C-alpha atoms as a PDB file:
ATOM      1  CA  MET A   1      13.160  -6.021  -7.977  1.00  0.00           C
ATOM      2  CA  THR A   2      10.820  -5.127  -5.509  1.00  0.00           C
ATOM      3  CA  GLN A   3       8.450  -2.224  -6.918  1.00  0.00           C
ATOM      4  CA  LEU A   4       7.981   0.976  -5.157  1.00  0.00           C
ATOM      5  CA  SER A   5       4.485   2.493  -4.817  1.00  0.00           C
ATOM      6  CA  VAL A   6       3.976   6.025  -4.048  1.00  0.00           C
ATOM      7  CA  ASN A   7       1.377   7.021  -1.768  1.00  0.00           C
ATOM      8  CA  ILE A   8       0.027  10.188  -2.734  1.00  0.00           C
ATOM      9  CA  ASN A   9      -2.490  10.797   0.267  1.00  0.00           C
ATOM     10  CA  LYS A  10      -0.280  13.477   1.930  1.00  0.00           C
ATOM     11  CA  ILE A  11      -0.288  15.471  -1.442  1.00  0.00           C
ATOM     12  CA  ALA A  12      -4.100  15.611  -1.255  1.00  0.00           C
ATOM     13  CA  THR A  13      -4.057  16.485   2.372  1.00  0.00           C
ATOM     14  CA  LEU A  14      -1.670  19.677   1.533  1.00  0.00           C
ATOM     15  CA  ARG A  15      -4.052  20.577  -1.563  1.00  0.00           C
ATOM     16  CA  ASN A  16      -6.810  20.435   0.822  1.00  0.00           C
ATOM     17  CA  ALA A  17      -5.682  22.499   2.976  1.00  0.00           C
ATOM     18  CA  ARG A  18      -5.989  25.664   1.128  1.00  0.00           C
ATOM     19  CA  GLY A  19      -9.285  23.856  -0.871  1.00  0.00           C
ATOM     20  CA  GLU A  20      -7.306  24.879  -3.987  1.00  0.00           C
ATOM     21  CA  ASP A  21      -5.447  22.935  -6.601  1.00  0.00           C
ATOM     22  CA  ARG A  22      -1.940  23.657  -5.205  1.00  0.00           C
ATOM     23  CA  PRO A  23      -0.162  20.860  -5.299  1.00  0.00           C
ATOM     24  CA  ASN A  24      -1.856  19.836  -8.135  1.00  0.00           C
ATOM     25  CA  LEU A  25      -2.596  15.762  -7.772  1.00  0.00           C
ATOM     26  CA  LEU A  26      -2.286  14.776 -11.008  1.00  0.00           C
ATOM     27  CA  GLU A  27       0.957  16.434 -11.760  1.00  0.00           C
ATOM     28  CA  THR A  28       2.593  14.974  -8.742  1.00  0.00           C
ATOM     29  CA  ALA A  29       1.496  11.778  -9.382  1.00  0.00           C
ATOM     30  CA  LEU A  30       2.837  11.965 -13.008  1.00  0.00           C
ATOM     31  CA  ASP A  31       6.094  13.398 -11.621  1.00  0.00           C
ATOM     32  CA  CYS A  32       6.485  10.084  -9.503  1.00  0.00           C
ATOM     33  CA  GLU A  33       5.951   8.184 -12.386  1.00  0.00           C
ATOM     34  CA  ARG A  34       8.533  10.403 -14.291  1.00  0.00           C
ATOM     35  CA  PHE A  35      10.968  10.135 -11.087  1.00  0.00           C
ATOM     36  CA  GLY A  36      11.325   6.357 -11.417  1.00  0.00           C
ATOM     37  CA  ALA A  37       8.052   5.117  -8.944  1.00  0.00           C
ATOM     38  CA  GLN A  38       6.612   1.994 -10.376  1.00  0.00           C
ATOM     39  CA  GLY A  39       2.985   2.533  -9.175  1.00  0.00           C
ATOM     40  CA  ILE A  40       0.727   5.131  -7.304  1.00  0.00           C
ATOM     41  CA  THR A  41      -1.339   4.570  -4.188  1.00  0.00           C
ATOM     42  CA  VAL A  42      -4.316   6.195  -3.054  1.00  0.00           C
ATOM     43  CA  HIS A  43      -6.673   5.642   0.101  1.00  0.00           C
ATOM     44  CA  PRO A  44      -9.674   7.592  -0.865  1.00  0.00           C
ATOM     45  CA  ARG A  45     -11.628   7.846   3.068  1.00  0.00           C
ATOM     46  CA  PRO A  46     -15.559   8.258   3.158  1.00  0.00           C
ATOM     47  CA  ASP A  47     -14.882  12.183   4.261  1.00  0.00           C
ATOM     48  CA  GLU A  48     -12.485  12.634   1.400  1.00  0.00           C
ATOM     49  CA  ARG A  49     -10.317  14.408   3.484  1.00  0.00           C
ATOM     50  CA  HIS A  50      -7.450  13.955   1.527  1.00  0.00           C
ATOM     51  CA  ILE A  51      -7.964  11.816  -1.577  1.00  0.00           C
ATOM     52  CA  THR A  52     -11.604  12.250  -3.285  1.00  0.00           C
ATOM     53  CA  ARG A  53     -13.737  10.091  -5.420  1.00  0.00           C
ATOM     54  CA  ALA A  54     -12.791  12.502  -8.348  1.00  0.00           C
ATOM     55  CA  ASP A  55      -9.021  12.356  -7.616  1.00  0.00           C
ATOM     56  CA  VAL A  56      -9.774   8.789  -8.257  1.00  0.00           C
ATOM     57  CA  LEU A  57     -11.336   9.039 -11.728  1.00  0.00           C
ATOM     58  CA  THR A  58      -9.176  11.514 -12.848  1.00  0.00           C
ATOM     59  CA  LEU A  59      -5.622   9.454 -11.968  1.00  0.00           C
ATOM     60  CA  ARG A  60      -7.032   6.628 -13.344  1.00  0.00           C
ATOM     61  CA  PRO A  61      -7.000   7.411 -17.302  1.00  0.00           C
ATOM     62  CA  ALA A  62      -3.341   9.738 -16.908  1.00  0.00           C
ATOM     63  CA  LEU A  63      -1.278   6.991 -15.349  1.00  0.00           C
ATOM     64  CA  ARG A  64       0.990   4.615 -16.676  1.00  0.00           C
ATOM     65  CA  THR A  65       2.405   2.807 -13.723  1.00  0.00           C
ATOM     66  CA  GLU A  66       0.514   0.445 -11.669  1.00  0.00           C
ATOM     67  CA  PHE A  67      -2.801   1.941  -9.640  1.00  0.00           C
ATOM     68  CA  ASN A  68      -3.192   0.745  -6.455  1.00  0.00           C
ATOM     69  CA  ILE A  69      -6.499   1.772  -4.623  1.00  0.00           C
ATOM     70  CA  GLU A  70      -6.714   1.253  -0.693  1.00  0.00           C
ATOM     71  CA  GLY A  71      -9.577   1.000   1.679  1.00  0.00           C
ATOM     72  CA  TYR A  72     -12.299  -0.563   3.517  1.00  0.00           C
ATOM     73  CA  PRO A  73     -14.781  -2.445   1.281  1.00  0.00           C
ATOM     74  CA  SER A  74     -18.131  -0.582   1.938  1.00  0.00           C
ATOM     75  CA  ARG A  75     -20.672  -0.573  -0.811  1.00  0.00           C
ATOM     76  CA  GLU A  76     -19.121   2.943  -2.032  1.00  0.00           C
ATOM     77  CA  PHE A  77     -15.778   2.039  -2.047  1.00  0.00           C
ATOM     78  CA  MET A  78     -16.259  -1.240  -3.986  1.00  0.00           C
ATOM     79  CA  GLU A  79     -18.623   0.618  -6.718  1.00  0.00           C
ATOM     80  CA  LEU A  80     -16.118   3.316  -7.287  1.00  0.00           C
ATOM     81  CA  VAL A  81     -13.085   0.169  -7.463  1.00  0.00           C
ATOM     82  CA  VAL A  82     -15.008  -1.507 -10.013  1.00  0.00           C
ATOM     83  CA  ARG A  83     -15.938   1.461 -11.925  1.00  0.00           C
ATOM     84  CA  VAL A  84     -12.338   2.254 -12.292  1.00  0.00           C
ATOM     85  CA  LYS A  85     -10.906  -0.874 -12.269  1.00  0.00           C
ATOM     86  CA  PRO A  86      -7.167  -0.096 -10.799  1.00  0.00           C
ATOM     87  CA  THR A  87      -4.232  -2.516 -11.215  1.00  0.00           C
ATOM     88  CA  GLN A  88      -4.491  -3.725  -7.472  1.00  0.00           C
ATOM     89  CA  VAL A  89      -7.290  -3.168  -4.284  1.00  0.00           C
ATOM     90  CA  THR A  90      -5.912  -3.291  -1.039  1.00  0.00           C
ATOM     91  CA  LEU A  91      -8.187  -4.240   1.525  1.00  0.00           C
ATOM     92  CA  VAL A  92      -7.754  -2.482   5.184  1.00  0.00           C
ATOM     93  CA  PRO A  93      -9.920  -2.903   8.096  1.00  0.00           C
ATOM     94  CA  ASP A  94     -10.112   0.542   9.012  1.00  0.00           C
ATOM     95  CA  SER A  95     -13.131   2.387  10.461  1.00  0.00           C
ATOM     96  CA  PRO A  96     -13.777   5.536   8.519  1.00  0.00           C
ATOM     97  CA  GLU A  97     -12.917   7.446  11.450  1.00  0.00           C
ATOM     98  CA  ALA A  98      -9.441   6.108  11.464  1.00  0.00           C
ATOM     99  CA  ILE A  99      -6.541   8.700  10.794  1.00  0.00           C
ATOM    100  CA  THR A 100      -4.412   5.711   9.622  1.00  0.00           C
ATOM    101  CA  SER A 101      -4.015   1.789   9.638  1.00  0.00           C
ATOM    102  CA  SER A 102      -3.282   0.587  12.790  1.00  0.00           C
ATOM    103  CA  ALA A 103      -3.746  -3.201  12.539  1.00  0.00           C
ATOM    104  CA  GLY A 104      -4.253  -6.051   9.629  1.00  0.00           C
ATOM    105  CA  TRP A 105      -7.244  -7.669   8.799  1.00  0.00           C
ATOM    106  CA  ASP A 106      -8.203 -10.919  11.268  1.00  0.00           C
ATOM    107  CA  VAL A 107      -8.954 -12.720   8.034  1.00  0.00           C
ATOM    108  CA  ILE A 108     -10.268 -15.997   9.888  1.00  0.00           C
ATOM    109  CA  ALA A 109     -12.979 -14.239  11.828  1.00  0.00           C
ATOM    110  CA  ASN A 110     -13.736 -12.299   8.573  1.00  0.00           C
ATOM    111  CA  MET A 111     -13.473 -15.141   5.985  1.00  0.00           C
ATOM    112  CA  GLU A 112     -17.020 -14.989   4.307  1.00  0.00           C
ATOM    113  CA  PHE A 113     -17.279 -11.406   4.269  1.00  0.00           C
ATOM    114  CA  LEU A 114     -13.645 -10.913   2.723  1.00  0.00           C
ATOM    115  CA  SER A 115     -14.069 -13.843   0.300  1.00  0.00           C
ATOM    116  CA  GLU A 116     -17.053 -12.425  -1.111  1.00  0.00           C
ATOM    117  CA  ILE A 117     -14.852  -8.823  -1.858  1.00  0.00           C
ATOM    118  CA  VAL A 118     -12.334 -10.844  -3.179  1.00  0.00           C
ATOM    119  CA  ASP A 119     -14.791 -12.283  -5.401  1.00  0.00           C
ATOM    120  CA  THR A 120     -15.919  -9.536  -6.627  1.00  0.00           C
ATOM    121  CA  LEU A 121     -12.369  -8.145  -7.600  1.00  0.00           C
ATOM    122  CA  ARG A 122     -11.525 -10.967  -9.299  1.00  0.00           C
ATOM    123  CA  ASP A 123     -14.940 -10.839 -11.382  1.00  0.00           C
ATOM    124  CA  ALA A 124     -13.920  -7.411 -12.232  1.00  0.00           C
ATOM    125  CA  GLY A 125      -9.953  -8.208 -13.505  1.00  0.00           C
ATOM    126  CA  ILE A 126      -8.482  -6.492 -10.388  1.00  0.00           C
ATOM    127  CA  ARG A 127      -5.854  -8.046  -8.197  1.00  0.00           C
ATOM    128  CA  SER A 128      -6.543  -7.960  -4.860  1.00  0.00           C
ATOM    129  CA  SER A 129      -4.403  -7.770  -1.804  1.00  0.00           C
ATOM    130  CA  ILE A 130      -5.373  -8.173   2.189  1.00  0.00           C
ATOM    131  CA  PHE A 131      -3.688  -5.985   4.768  1.00  0.00           C
ATOM    132  CA  ILE A 132      -2.508  -8.026   7.746  1.00  0.00           C
ATOM    133  CA  ASP A 133      -0.062  -8.349  10.589  1.00  0.00           C
ATOM    134  CA  ALA A 134       2.852 -10.748   9.787  1.00  0.00           C
ATOM    135  CA  ASP A 135       0.970 -13.516  11.300  1.00  0.00           C
ATOM    136  CA  PRO A 136       1.461 -16.850   9.346  1.00  0.00           C
ATOM    137  CA  ALA A 137      -2.305 -17.939  10.231  1.00  0.00           C
ATOM    138  CA  GLN A 138      -3.454 -15.111   8.827  1.00  0.00           C
ATOM    139  CA  VAL A 139      -1.438 -15.645   5.585  1.00  0.00           C
ATOM    140  CA  CYS A 140      -2.765 -18.732   4.860  1.00  0.00           C
ATOM    141  CA  ALA A 141      -6.450 -17.660   5.867  1.00  0.00           C
ATOM    142  CA  ALA A 142      -6.013 -14.852   2.900  1.00  0.00           C
ATOM    143  CA  ALA A 143      -4.764 -17.429   0.750  1.00  0.00           C
ATOM    144  CA  LYS A 144      -8.040 -19.547   1.745  1.00  0.00           C
ATOM    145  CA  ALA A 145     -10.177 -16.081   0.810  1.00  0.00           C
ATOM    146  CA  GLY A 146      -8.835 -16.470  -2.627  1.00  0.00           C
ATOM    147  CA  ALA A 147      -6.739 -13.066  -2.441  1.00  0.00           C
ATOM    148  CA  ASP A 148      -3.665 -12.355  -4.971  1.00  0.00           C
ATOM    149  CA  ARG A 149      -1.524 -11.128  -2.127  1.00  0.00           C
ATOM    150  CA  VAL A 150      -1.151  -9.840   1.205  1.00  0.00           C
ATOM    151  CA  GLU A 151       0.474  -6.508   2.430  1.00  0.00           C
ATOM    152  CA  LEU A 152       1.963  -6.789   5.449  1.00  0.00           C
ATOM    153  CA  TYR A 153       1.745  -4.069   8.137  1.00  0.00           C
ATOM    154  CA  THR A 154       5.163  -2.818   8.795  1.00  0.00           C
ATOM    155  CA  LYS A 155       4.849  -0.470  11.973  1.00  0.00           C
ATOM    156  CA  PRO A 156       5.777  -3.053  14.271  1.00  0.00           C
ATOM    157  CA  TYR A 157       9.088  -3.596  12.507  1.00  0.00           C
ATOM    158  CA  ALA A 158       9.626   0.027  12.096  1.00  0.00           C
ATOM    159  CA  ASP A 159       8.683   0.629  15.963  1.00  0.00           C
ATOM    160  CA  LYS A 160      11.189  -2.187  17.156  1.00  0.00           C
ATOM    161  CA  TYR A 161      14.007  -1.505  14.027  1.00  0.00           C
ATOM    162  CA  PRO A 162      15.963   0.796  15.970  1.00  0.00           C
ATOM    163  CA  SER A 163      16.581  -1.377  19.471  1.00  0.00           C
ATOM    164  CA  ASN A 164      16.935  -4.736  17.496  1.00  0.00           C
ATOM    165  CA  PRO A 165      16.630  -5.004  13.886  1.00  0.00           C
ATOM    166  CA  GLU A 166      16.625  -8.839  13.580  1.00  0.00           C
ATOM    167  CA  ALA A 167      14.341  -9.109  15.830  1.00  0.00           C
ATOM    168  CA  ALA A 168      11.854  -6.882  13.938  1.00  0.00           C
ATOM    169  CA  VAL A 169      12.212  -8.204  11.001  1.00  0.00           C
ATOM    170  CA  GLU A 170      12.366 -12.078  11.750  1.00  0.00           C
ATOM    171  CA  PRO A 171       8.331 -11.995  11.838  1.00  0.00           C
ATOM    172  CA  TYR A 172       8.091 -10.658   8.192  1.00  0.00           C
ATOM    173  CA  VAL A 173      10.613 -13.194   6.926  1.00  0.00           C
ATOM    174  CA  THR A 174       8.440 -16.084   8.418  1.00  0.00           C
ATOM    175  CA  ALA A 175       5.097 -14.258   6.828  1.00  0.00           C
ATOM    176  CA  ALA A 176       6.789 -14.064   3.519  1.00  0.00           C
ATOM    177  CA  ARG A 177       8.051 -17.918   3.302  1.00  0.00           C
ATOM    178  CA  GLN A 178       4.485 -18.610   4.357  1.00  0.00           C
ATOM    179  CA  ALA A 179       3.028 -16.224   1.240  1.00  0.00           C
ATOM    180  CA  ARG A 180       4.973 -17.963  -1.006  1.00  0.00           C
ATOM    181  CA  SER A 181       4.128 -21.585   0.241  1.00  0.00           C
ATOM    182  CA  CYS A 182       0.484 -20.548  -0.217  1.00  0.00           C
ATOM    183  CA  GLY A 183       1.012 -19.007  -3.908  1.00  0.00           C
ATOM    184  CA  LEU A 184       0.506 -15.492  -2.751  1.00  0.00           C
ATOM    185  CA  GLY A 185       2.277 -12.509  -3.815  1.00  0.00           C
ATOM    186  CA  LEU A 186       3.341 -10.195  -1.083  1.00  0.00           C
ATOM    187  CA  ASN A 187       3.350  -6.470  -0.417  1.00  0.00           C
ATOM    188  CA  ALA A 188       4.435  -4.571   2.641  1.00  0.00           C
ATOM    189  CA  GLY A 189       3.889  -0.807   4.292  1.00  0.00           C
ATOM    190  CA  HIS A 190       3.387   1.478   6.736  1.00  0.00           C
ATOM    191  CA  ASP A 191       6.245   3.399   8.074  1.00  0.00           C
ATOM    192  CA  LEU A 192       9.012   2.231   6.093  1.00  0.00           C
ATOM    193  CA  SER A 193      11.694   4.632   5.400  1.00  0.00           C
ATOM    194  CA  LEU A 194      14.928   5.551   4.347  1.00  0.00           C
ATOM    195  CA  ASP A 195      16.296   4.827   7.612  1.00  0.00           C
ATOM    196  CA  ASN A 196      14.655   1.111   7.775  1.00  0.00           C
ATOM    197  CA  LEU A 197      13.866  -0.085   4.175  1.00  0.00           C
ATOM    198  CA  GLY A 198      16.900  -1.115   2.943  1.00  0.00           C
ATOM    199  CA  PHE A 199      17.366  -3.879   6.038  1.00  0.00           C
ATOM    200  CA  PHE A 200      13.739  -4.783   5.278  1.00  0.00           C
ATOM    201  CA  ALA A 201      13.949  -5.490   1.717  1.00  0.00           C
ATOM    202  CA  SER A 202      17.584  -7.090   2.020  1.00  0.00           C
ATOM    203  CA  ARG A 203      16.096  -9.593   4.610  1.00  0.00           C
ATOM    204  CA  VAL A 204      12.290 -10.352   3.490  1.00  0.00           C
ATOM    205  CA  PRO A 205      12.299 -12.726   0.751  1.00  0.00           C
ATOM    206  CA  HIS A 206       9.610 -12.667  -2.313  1.00  0.00           C
ATOM    207  CA  LEU A 207       8.898  -9.028  -1.585  1.00  0.00           C
ATOM    208  CA  ASN A 208       6.839  -7.801  -4.772  1.00  0.00           C
ATOM    209  CA  GLU A 209       6.163  -4.284  -3.690  1.00  0.00           C
ATOM    210  CA  VAL A 210       6.134  -1.416  -1.026  1.00  0.00           C
ATOM    211  CA  SER A 211       3.676   1.489  -0.591  1.00  0.00           C
ATOM    212  CA  ILE A 212       5.173   4.301   1.202  1.00  0.00           C
ATOM    213  CA  GLY A 213       3.527   7.779   1.698  1.00  0.00           C
ATOM    214  CA  HIS A 214       4.041   9.512   4.786  1.00  0.00           C
ATOM    215  CA  ALA A 215       7.887   9.189   5.415  1.00  0.00           C
ATOM    216  CA  LEU A 216       8.574   9.824   1.624  1.00  0.00           C
ATOM    217  CA  ILE A 217       6.794  13.087   1.281  1.00  0.00           C
ATOM    218  CA  CYS A 218       8.691  13.985   4.369  1.00  0.00           C
ATOM    219  CA  ASP A 219      11.837  13.235   3.098  1.00  0.00           C
ATOM    220  CA  ALA A 220      10.672  14.958  -0.013  1.00  0.00           C
ATOM    221  CA  LEU A 221      10.596  18.533   1.408  1.00  0.00           C
ATOM    222  CA  TYR A 222      14.442  18.132   2.167  1.00  0.00           C
ATOM    223  CA  LEU A 223      15.674  16.194  -0.816  1.00  0.00           C
ATOM    224  CA  GLY A 224      12.975  16.981  -3.313  1.00  0.00           C
ATOM    225  CA  LEU A 225      10.564  14.464  -4.880  1.00  0.00           C
ATOM    226  CA  GLU A 226      12.914  12.950  -7.675  1.00  0.00           C
ATOM    227  CA  GLU A 227      16.033  12.603  -5.728  1.00  0.00           C
ATOM    228  CA  THR A 228      13.851  11.003  -2.720  1.00  0.00           C
ATOM    229  CA  ILE A 229      12.701   8.352  -5.031  1.00  0.00           C
ATOM    230  CA  ARG A 230      15.614   7.850  -6.552  1.00  0.00           C
ATOM    231  CA  ARG A 231      17.032   6.981  -3.162  1.00  0.00           C
ATOM    232  CA  TYR A 232      13.926   4.724  -2.349  1.00  0.00           C
ATOM    233  CA  ARG A 233      14.634   2.841  -5.646  1.00  0.00           C
ATOM    234  CA  GLU A 234      18.144   2.350  -4.819  1.00  0.00           C
ATOM    235  CA  LEU A 235      17.568   0.856  -1.310  1.00  0.00           C
ATOM    236  CA  LEU A 236      15.232  -1.441  -2.939  1.00  0.00           C
ATOM    237  CA  LYS A 237      17.806  -2.836  -5.414  1.00  0.00           C
ATOM    238  CA  VAL A 238      19.369  -5.225  -2.599  1.00  0.00           C
ATOM    239  CA  GLN A 239      17.107  -7.948  -3.269  1.00  0.00           C
END
């Protein structure tokens, strides 16, 4: 069954708005695990506008599920993840100023750089995932770079889903099959929600994990965190 990793960046954003410690990030992460999340995702940005380096260091020893750290592989980021040794590092091409991820890597153009980063993660015993668009050529390049997994950028799917679900999901099915043939694990994330996740999970084969933050936290405002996680988990049982 596809695993659900809850991205808790938005919890940190809310906490930081008051400069205090409410909501408490660690308590929320542990609640997510208790309510059924199979992983916790964070994205520590250089300006620490949500997740801070201190958060990463606090979370690591306390979590019982998989810990996924996303980020651009700067020197400072790599020093942090090698120190912390999460289960997985997801490499994203975002600039420090980016509000959120808006595209996947061009792995072909960045092959040497990404191959060196993946080698460093492997030497540290960390599973690597490269964030890419649903492009079979980029899937093959990620395999050539030595990655363990790819994470498919799903905003284009989410944007097209309301008007044409089948056309929206078709590139992801193709990319998933390509990942399988290349020996890569498969993750997905960005703008997946209660509205579109079930269809995506039912159509895309070999899906190991989805990482969901913004929509899930928004849903939790109305449904509560426990019920929200339960509903997302139910949608992932379709495979």
